């Protein structure tokens, strides 16, 4: 899923006619001062990054004057907060808060539902998972029938929202659903829904994640990579999404990882090519336990063609500084594994001649396993590299294969360094 930043989500709320605080985005301290001058009263300055908990991390500050807003913005821009570079801030009017609510919508994937579920709570400002059940009103939405304004009124009334606010609250919930539907969201929430001392109801904050398959229908959102991530996409992330976007046969997921390992020795950096999501992560865990650093997380599953597997392997090898390559098929897959074998062999035959003695661990198990392992052995037997090939008998041995990779990496680095 692709997560929008707060200011991007609020722009969609504005299109839907939902009330939001007065404000704008600033990329320089001078812009922040001008926005604060235009607002003409105290403001809140919020960093725009793909992460929650910004307030506790020092990324939300208040300013009483435009000069103070400029100074605070200067201290925030360029800072690293929660491991992320701050490149812009949202400058908004400071609200006089009387009461906070919560409103959100997610996809209920349970077999007896498989539909959007609208949630409303009287406990705004908290994680919805922490709120007692008696303070949450829920409605599973029949997508054919839709969600009506009176459904929003019923949710608000169920939790006894005061009569002077109930219409405004209901219209905000209704607008939230319309935005959810119109942009193909998987998750959307306002936390908090703010009731001001003047009796106005506004969306104080927001979070929106757009479904991967909906991104192509909304180029106006400017989403480069349709995946939720804490950092902006790298060049390789963009290339991987281009592969995925152009070929829907199976999965070609790739993400570079910022995974500095501190307080212990790192024995090598591994280009990791996993399969099957959970099984792939087990391989990452095994490498970490052996003191290896994983450069990336890749996953080719869902029966992709050899061409797609080949592209994933080439992306793994394109990362500078890797000391080994692991194909982590830690699962007995029902996909035809010879597609993986052909794709990986082509990549290895192109890449390994540039890296004499390079360590490679290949694990494939499941459908067409015998034929796949033969393709791997025949395709790599004349290559000058440290290559070990395994099948289903080692599918659960994540730490054992990681230990073998560590042994080969240490030999390779010693040989390379003379």
Protein backbone atom coordinates (compact mmCIF):
# COMPACT_ATOMS: atom_id res chain seq x y z
CA UNK A 1 0.00 0.00 0.00
CA UNK A 2 1.08 3.58 -0.66
CA UNK A 3 0.78 5.87 2.32
CA UNK A 4 0.01 9.54 1.81
CA UNK A 5 1.50 12.19 4.05
CA UNK A 6 -0.83 14.24 6.23
CA UNK A 7 -0.99 17.26 3.96
CA UNK A 8 -1.71 15.06 0.93
CA UNK A 9 -4.56 13.32 2.75
CA UNK A 10 -6.05 16.60 3.91
CA UNK A 11 -6.00 17.85 0.32
CA UNK A 12 -8.32 14.94 -0.53
CA UNK A 13 -10.52 15.82 2.44
CA UNK A 14 -10.79 19.36 1.11
CA UNK A 15 -11.94 18.05 -2.27
CA UNK A 16 -14.64 16.06 -0.45
CA UNK A 17 -15.83 19.21 1.32
CA UNK A 18 -14.61 18.06 4.73
CA UNK A 19 -13.52 20.79 7.17
CA UNK A 20 -9.79 20.92 7.89
CA UNK A 21 -7.67 23.45 9.79
CA UNK A 22 -6.42 26.48 7.88
CA UNK A 23 -2.83 25.93 6.79
CA UNK A 24 -0.32 25.00 4.10
CA UNK A 25 2.97 23.17 3.46
CA UNK A 26 6.32 24.92 3.95
CA UNK A 27 9.64 23.76 2.55
CA UNK A 28 11.63 26.73 3.84
CA UNK A 29 11.53 28.76 7.08
CA UNK A 30 10.47 31.83 5.07
CA UNK A 31 7.46 29.97 3.67
CA UNK A 32 6.45 28.95 7.20
CA UNK A 33 6.56 32.58 8.33
CA UNK A 34 4.38 33.69 5.39
CA UNK A 35 1.82 30.94 6.09
CA UNK A 36 1.69 31.90 9.78
CA UNK A 37 1.22 35.56 8.82
CA UNK A 38 -1.67 34.60 6.55
CA UNK A 39 -3.32 32.53 9.30
CA UNK A 40 -2.94 35.44 11.69
CA UNK A 41 -2.96 33.52 14.98
CA UNK A 42 -0.91 30.88 16.84
CA UNK A 43 0.02 27.87 14.70
CA UNK A 44 1.11 24.26 15.02
CA UNK A 45 4.07 23.06 12.96
CA UNK A 46 4.09 19.35 12.06
CA UNK A 47 6.86 17.53 10.24
CA UNK A 48 5.72 15.58 7.18
CA UNK A 49 7.25 12.10 7.24
CA UNK A 50 5.93 8.57 6.75
CA UNK A 51 5.84 7.71 10.45
CA UNK A 52 3.55 7.92 13.44
CA UNK A 53 4.40 9.25 16.88
CA UNK A 54 5.73 12.53 15.52
CA UNK A 55 4.71 14.50 18.60
CA UNK A 56 6.59 12.30 21.06
CA UNK A 57 9.64 12.42 18.77
CA UNK A 58 9.71 16.23 18.82
CA UNK A 59 8.20 16.68 15.38
CA UNK A 60 5.14 18.71 16.42
CA UNK A 61 5.69 22.20 17.86
CA UNK A 62 3.63 25.34 18.52
CA UNK A 63 4.42 28.94 17.61
CA UNK A 64 2.66 32.10 18.80
CA UNK A 65 4.10 34.44 16.15
CA UNK A 66 5.24 34.23 12.50
CA UNK A 67 8.84 34.89 13.60
CA UNK A 68 8.67 31.99 16.04
CA UNK A 69 7.17 29.77 13.31
CA UNK A 70 10.10 30.64 11.05
CA UNK A 71 12.62 29.83 13.78
CA UNK A 72 11.01 26.50 14.69
CA UNK A 73 10.75 25.46 11.05
CA UNK A 74 14.43 26.24 10.56
CA UNK A 75 15.25 23.86 13.43
CA UNK A 76 13.07 21.07 12.00
CA UNK A 77 13.93 21.16 8.30
CA UNK A 78 16.97 19.02 7.57
CA UNK A 79 16.72 17.24 10.91
CA UNK A 80 16.51 13.46 11.17
CA UNK A 81 13.52 12.35 13.25
CA UNK A 82 12.60 8.68 13.71
CA UNK A 83 15.38 7.91 11.23
CA UNK A 84 13.78 10.05 8.51
CA UNK A 85 14.95 13.29 6.92
CA UNK A 86 12.51 16.20 7.41
CA UNK A 87 12.08 18.02 4.10
CA UNK A 88 8.78 19.84 4.69
CA UNK A 89 6.38 20.84 7.45
CA UNK A 90 2.66 21.49 7.66
CA UNK A 91 1.83 24.86 9.25
CA UNK A 92 -1.75 24.99 10.55
CA UNK A 93 -3.85 27.11 12.86
CA UNK A 94 -3.66 26.02 16.48
CA UNK A 95 -7.05 24.66 17.47
CA UNK A 96 -8.75 25.32 20.82
CA UNK A 97 -9.76 21.72 21.51
CA UNK A 98 -12.91 20.93 23.48
CA UNK A 99 -13.25 17.23 22.62
CA UNK A 100 -11.53 14.60 20.46
CA UNK A 101 -13.12 11.69 18.57
CA UNK A 102 -11.77 9.00 16.23
CA UNK A 103 -13.07 7.93 12.83
CA UNK A 104 -11.55 5.33 10.55
CA UNK A 105 -12.21 2.77 7.83
CA UNK A 106 -10.32 -0.42 7.03
CA UNK A 107 -11.04 -3.45 4.86
CA UNK A 108 -12.51 -6.30 6.91
CA UNK A 109 -10.88 -9.34 5.27
CA UNK A 110 -12.70 -12.00 7.31
CA UNK A 111 -14.39 -14.65 5.17
CA UNK A 112 -17.88 -13.74 6.40
CA UNK A 113 -17.37 -10.01 5.68
CA UNK A 114 -14.81 -8.99 3.04
CA UNK A 115 -15.98 -5.42 3.05
CA UNK A 116 -15.10 -1.98 4.42
CA UNK A 117 -15.75 -1.49 8.13
CA UNK A 118 -16.41 2.03 9.40
CA UNK A 119 -15.26 2.72 12.96
CA UNK A 120 -16.14 5.63 15.23
CA UNK A 121 -14.97 6.19 18.78
CA UNK A 122 -15.36 8.79 21.50
CA UNK A 123 -11.68 8.26 22.42
CA UNK A 124 -9.74 10.33 19.90
CA UNK A 125 -5.99 10.75 20.21
CA UNK A 126 -5.47 7.09 21.17
CA UNK A 127 -4.52 4.04 19.10
CA UNK A 128 -7.84 2.42 18.21
CA UNK A 129 -6.46 -0.95 19.37
CA UNK A 130 -6.22 0.45 22.91
CA UNK A 131 -9.81 1.71 23.11
CA UNK A 132 -12.39 -0.36 25.08
CA UNK A 133 -14.97 -2.06 22.87
CA UNK A 134 -17.89 -0.22 24.50
CA UNK A 135 -16.47 3.08 23.24
CA UNK A 136 -16.31 2.00 19.59
CA UNK A 137 -19.20 1.86 17.11
CA UNK A 138 -18.70 -0.32 14.03
CA UNK A 139 -20.51 -0.91 10.76
CA UNK A 140 -19.65 -3.42 8.03
CA UNK A 141 -20.59 -1.75 4.74
CA UNK A 142 -22.39 -3.61 1.96
CA UNK A 143 -20.57 -2.14 -1.03
CA UNK A 144 -23.63 -2.57 -3.27
CA UNK A 145 -25.87 -0.65 -0.84
CA UNK A 146 -23.14 1.83 0.06
CA UNK A 147 -22.73 4.02 3.13
CA UNK A 148 -25.38 6.69 3.70
CA UNK A 149 -25.39 9.87 5.76
CA UNK A 150 -27.92 8.31 8.14
CA UNK A 151 -25.48 5.43 8.73
CA UNK A 152 -22.95 8.01 9.92
CA UNK A 153 -25.61 9.61 12.11
CA UNK A 154 -26.44 6.21 13.61
CA UNK A 155 -22.79 5.57 14.49
CA UNK A 156 -22.45 8.96 16.17
CA UNK A 157 -25.76 8.55 17.97
CA UNK A 158 -24.79 5.08 19.21
CA UNK A 159 -22.01 6.69 21.25
CA UNK A 160 -24.21 9.61 22.32
CA UNK A 161 -22.43 12.44 20.52
CA UNK A 162 -24.06 15.68 21.78
CA UNK A 163 -26.83 16.98 19.55
CA UNK A 164 -25.03 20.28 18.81
CA UNK A 165 -22.13 18.35 17.19
CA UNK A 166 -23.77 15.24 15.77
CA UNK A 167 -24.55 16.57 12.27
CA UNK A 168 -21.02 17.89 11.77
CA UNK A 169 -19.49 14.65 13.06
CA UNK A 170 -21.74 12.56 10.79
CA UNK A 171 -20.85 14.63 7.73
CA UNK A 172 -17.14 14.14 8.51
CA UNK A 173 -17.60 10.36 8.78
CA UNK A 174 -19.60 10.33 5.54
CA UNK A 175 -16.91 12.37 3.75
CA UNK A 176 -14.30 9.95 5.07
CA UNK A 177 -16.13 7.03 3.46
CA UNK A 178 -16.54 8.89 0.16
CA UNK A 179 -12.79 9.58 0.09
CA UNK A 180 -12.06 5.95 0.99
CA UNK A 181 -14.26 4.74 -1.90
CA UNK A 182 -13.24 7.31 -4.53
CA UNK A 183 -9.49 6.76 -4.17
CA UNK A 184 -9.40 3.00 -3.56
CA UNK A 185 -8.00 3.23 -0.04
CA UNK A 186 -7.22 0.24 2.15
CA UNK A 187 -7.02 2.30 5.32
CA UNK A 188 -8.17 5.81 6.16
CA UNK A 189 -8.52 7.51 9.53
CA UNK A 190 -8.90 10.85 11.28
CA UNK A 191 -7.27 10.85 14.68
CA UNK A 192 -8.32 13.09 16.20
CA UNK A 193 -11.62 14.41 14.95
CA UNK A 194 -11.49 17.75 16.79
CA UNK A 195 -14.41 19.59 18.33
CA UNK A 196 -13.25 23.13 19.05
CA UNK A 197 -14.41 25.38 21.87
CA UNK A 198 -16.26 27.39 19.21
CA UNK A 199 -18.27 24.26 18.33
CA UNK A 200 -16.60 23.49 14.99
CA UNK A 201 -15.75 19.90 13.98
CA UNK A 202 -12.57 19.42 11.91
CA UNK A 203 -10.17 16.70 10.78
CA UNK A 204 -7.22 17.36 13.08
CA UNK A 205 -4.94 14.74 11.55
CA UNK A 206 -5.24 11.98 8.97
CA UNK A 207 -3.73 8.81 7.63
CA UNK A 208 -4.52 7.32 4.22
CA UNK A 209 -3.07 4.23 2.53
CA UNK A 210 -4.02 3.61 -1.10
CA UNK A 211 -4.40 0.07 -2.46
CA UNK A 212 -1.67 -0.92 -4.94
CA UNK A 213 -4.17 -1.71 -7.69
CA UNK A 214 -5.88 1.67 -7.36
CA UNK A 215 -2.74 3.75 -7.86
CA UNK A 216 -2.76 3.50 -11.66
CA UNK A 217 -6.26 5.05 -11.71
CA UNK A 218 -5.12 8.12 -9.78
CA UNK A 219 -2.01 9.67 -11.35
CA UNK A 220 -3.02 12.96 -9.69
CA UNK A 221 -1.80 11.53 -6.38
CA UNK A 222 1.78 11.50 -7.67
CA UNK A 223 2.58 8.10 -6.13
CA UNK A 224 5.86 6.76 -7.53
CA UNK A 225 5.86 3.39 -5.79
CA UNK A 226 2.59 1.84 -4.61
CA UNK A 227 3.90 0.44 -1.38
CA UNK A 228 3.78 1.76 2.15
CA UNK A 229 7.27 2.60 3.37
CA UNK A 230 8.87 4.76 5.99
CA UNK A 231 11.28 6.34 3.51
CA UNK A 232 11.02 7.81 0.00
CA UNK A 233 11.60 5.21 -2.77
CA UNK A 234 15.15 4.60 -3.97
CA UNK A 235 16.08 4.19 -7.62
CA UNK A 236 15.98 0.40 -7.25
CA UNK A 237 12.58 0.60 -5.51
CA UNK A 238 11.27 2.53 -8.52
CA UNK A 239 12.71 0.01 -10.96
CA UNK A 240 11.16 -2.87 -9.00
CA UNK A 241 7.77 -1.19 -9.05
CA UNK A 242 8.12 -0.60 -12.79
CA UNK A 243 8.70 -4.35 -13.24
CA UNK A 244 5.68 -5.15 -11.05
CA UNK A 245 3.47 -2.58 -12.74
CA UNK A 246 4.25 -3.84 -16.25
CA UNK A 247 3.90 -7.58 -15.53
CA UNK A 248 1.15 -8.87 -13.25
CA UNK A 249 2.26 -12.51 -13.40
CA UNK A 250 3.37 -13.32 -9.86
CA UNK A 251 5.20 -10.95 -7.54
CA UNK A 252 8.49 -9.10 -7.88
CA UNK A 253 8.82 -7.24 -4.60
CA UNK A 254 12.08 -5.45 -3.87
CA UNK A 255 13.03 -2.97 -1.17
CA UNK A 256 16.43 -1.67 -0.15
CA UNK A 257 16.92 -1.81 3.61
CA UNK A 258 18.44 0.70 5.99
CA UNK A 259 19.41 -1.88 8.58
CA UNK A 260 22.59 -0.74 10.28
CA UNK A 261 23.56 -3.31 12.89
CA UNK A 262 25.07 -1.61 15.91
CA UNK A 263 26.89 -2.92 18.98
CA UNK A 264 28.03 -6.13 17.30
CA UNK A 265 30.38 -7.23 14.56
CA UNK A 266 29.00 -7.56 11.03
CA UNK A 267 30.61 -10.38 9.05
CA UNK A 268 29.23 -9.51 5.64
CA UNK A 269 26.40 -7.97 3.61
CA UNK A 270 24.09 -10.34 1.76
CA UNK A 271 21.96 -9.66 -1.29
CA UNK A 272 18.80 -11.51 -0.33
CA UNK A 273 16.30 -13.01 -2.80
CA UNK A 274 13.45 -14.60 -0.89
CA UNK A 275 10.27 -16.41 -1.79
CA UNK A 276 6.92 -16.58 -0.06
CA UNK A 277 6.79 -13.64 2.33
CA UNK A 278 6.90 -15.33 5.73
CA UNK A 279 9.36 -17.98 4.60
CA UNK A 280 11.53 -15.27 3.09
CA UNK A 281 11.60 -13.40 6.40
CA UNK A 282 12.76 -16.55 8.19
CA UNK A 283 15.81 -16.50 5.95
CA UNK A 284 16.51 -12.87 6.85
CA UNK A 285 16.25 -13.80 10.53
CA UNK A 286 18.72 -16.65 10.08
CA UNK A 287 21.27 -14.37 8.41
CA UNK A 288 20.89 -11.75 11.13
CA UNK A 289 21.48 -14.38 13.83
CA UNK A 290 24.76 -15.26 12.13
CA UNK A 291 25.89 -11.64 12.25
CA UNK A 292 25.19 -10.97 8.58
CA UNK A 293 23.66 -7.74 7.32
CA UNK A 294 20.89 -8.02 4.73
CA UNK A 295 21.14 -5.37 2.01
CA UNK A 296 17.58 -5.74 0.73
CA UNK A 297 14.37 -7.70 0.98
CA UNK A 298 13.15 -9.29 -2.23
CA UNK A 299 10.28 -11.70 -2.81
CA UNK A 300 9.37 -13.49 -6.04
CA UNK A 301 6.35 -15.70 -5.47
CA UNK A 302 2.91 -16.39 -6.89
CA UNK A 303 4.42 -18.27 -9.89
CA UNK A 304 6.23 -15.42 -11.68
CA UNK A 305 7.83 -16.12 -15.08
CA UNK A 306 11.58 -16.61 -15.37
CA UNK A 307 11.94 -13.10 -16.83
CA UNK A 308 10.52 -11.55 -13.67
CA UNK A 309 12.72 -13.69 -11.39
CA UNK A 310 15.74 -12.72 -13.51
CA UNK A 311 14.99 -9.01 -13.08
CA UNK A 312 14.68 -9.42 -9.31
CA UNK A 313 18.02 -11.24 -9.14
CA UNK A 314 19.68 -8.54 -11.24
CA UNK A 315 18.40 -5.86 -8.87
CA UNK A 316 19.84 -7.76 -5.93
CA UNK A 317 23.23 -7.98 -7.64
CA UNK A 318 23.17 -4.30 -8.64
CA UNK A 319 23.63 -3.23 -5.02
CA UNK A 320 27.20 -2.14 -4.31
CA UNK A 321 29.15 -3.84 -1.56
CA UNK A 322 27.32 -7.14 -1.25
CA UNK A 323 29.45 -10.13 -0.17
CA UNK A 324 27.04 -12.92 -1.10
CA UNK A 325 23.74 -13.86 -2.74
CA UNK A 326 21.10 -16.09 -1.17
CA UNK A 327 18.02 -17.46 -2.91
CA UNK A 328 15.92 -18.22 0.17
CA UNK A 329 13.12 -20.54 -0.88
CA UNK A 330 12.29 -21.46 2.71
CA UNK A 331 8.96 -23.04 1.77
CA UNK A 332 7.66 -26.02 -0.20
CA UNK A 333 6.05 -23.97 -2.97
CA UNK A 334 3.28 -25.16 -5.27
CA UNK A 335 4.54 -22.81 -8.00
CA UNK A 336 6.66 -24.39 -10.72
CA UNK A 337 10.14 -23.77 -9.41
CA UNK A 338 11.92 -24.26 -12.71
CA UNK A 339 10.95 -20.70 -13.64
CA UNK A 340 13.01 -19.54 -10.66
CA UNK A 341 15.84 -21.84 -11.66
CA UNK A 342 16.01 -20.50 -15.23
CA UNK A 343 15.77 -16.86 -14.14
CA UNK A 344 18.42 -17.18 -11.44
CA UNK A 345 20.83 -19.12 -13.67
CA UNK A 346 20.69 -16.40 -16.32
CA UNK A 347 21.46 -13.72 -13.71
CA UNK A 348 24.28 -15.75 -12.15
CA UNK A 349 25.91 -16.41 -15.52
CA UNK A 350 25.95 -12.67 -16.17
CA UNK A 351 27.07 -11.55 -12.71
CA UNK A 352 29.42 -14.18 -11.27
CA UNK A 353 32.19 -13.86 -13.90
CA UNK A 354 32.69 -10.31 -12.54
CA UNK A 355 33.10 -11.71 -8.98
CA UNK A 356 35.54 -14.67 -8.82
CA UNK A 357 34.86 -16.85 -5.78
CA UNK A 358 31.60 -15.07 -4.89
CA UNK A 359 29.45 -16.91 -2.28
CA UNK A 360 26.02 -18.15 -3.43
CA UNK A 361 23.45 -20.25 -1.56
CA UNK A 362 20.47 -21.47 -3.59
CA UNK A 363 17.47 -23.15 -1.95
CA UNK A 364 14.46 -24.30 -3.99
CA UNK A 365 11.76 -26.68 -2.79
CA UNK A 366 8.33 -27.77 -3.94
CA UNK A 367 6.73 -28.31 -7.34
CA UNK A 368 9.22 -29.40 -10.05
CA UNK A 369 11.97 -29.43 -7.42
CA UNK A 370 14.04 -32.22 -8.99
CA UNK A 371 14.06 -30.58 -12.41
CA UNK A 372 14.76 -27.15 -10.90
CA UNK A 373 17.75 -28.31 -8.91
CA UNK A 374 19.16 -29.97 -12.03
CA UNK A 375 18.78 -26.69 -13.96
CA UNK A 376 20.65 -24.86 -11.19
CA UNK A 377 23.47 -27.42 -11.09
CA UNK A 378 23.92 -27.64 -14.86
CA UNK A 379 23.66 -23.87 -15.31
CA UNK A 380 26.29 -23.00 -12.70
CA UNK A 381 28.75 -25.93 -12.78
CA UNK A 382 31.35 -24.09 -14.89
CA UNK A 383 31.21 -20.81 -12.91
CA UNK A 384 34.14 -19.75 -10.73
CA UNK A 385 32.20 -19.15 -7.54
CA UNK A 386 31.35 -20.69 -4.18
CA UNK A 387 27.93 -22.16 -4.97
CA UNK A 388 25.86 -24.46 -2.78
CA UNK A 389 22.51 -25.78 -3.98
CA UNK A 390 19.84 -27.35 -1.77
CA UNK A 391 16.30 -28.69 -1.98
CA UNK A 392 13.45 -29.59 0.33
CA UNK A 393 15.58 -31.47 2.86
CA UNK A 394 17.00 -28.10 4.04
CA UNK A 395 13.83 -25.99 3.77
CA UNK A 396 13.56 -25.50 7.55
CA UNK A 397 17.28 -25.06 8.18
CA UNK A 398 17.47 -21.27 8.04
CA UNK A 399 20.28 -20.94 10.58
CA UNK A 400 22.27 -23.81 9.09
CA UNK A 401 22.25 -22.29 5.61
CA UNK A 402 23.02 -18.87 7.07
CA UNK A 403 26.01 -20.39 8.88
CA UNK A 404 27.25 -21.84 5.59
CA UNK A 405 26.85 -18.44 3.95
CA UNK A 406 28.86 -16.84 6.76
CA UNK A 407 31.64 -19.42 6.33
CA UNK A 408 31.84 -18.78 2.59
CA UNK A 409 31.71 -14.99 3.00
CA UNK A 410 34.64 -15.03 5.44
CA UNK A 411 36.66 -17.16 3.00
CA UNK A 412 35.72 -14.89 0.09
CA UNK A 413 36.64 -11.68 1.88
CA UNK A 414 39.95 -13.13 3.07
CA UNK A 415 40.78 -14.26 -0.47
CA UNK A 416 39.70 -10.93 -1.99
CA UNK A 417 41.72 -8.89 0.51
CA UNK A 418 44.82 -10.91 -0.16
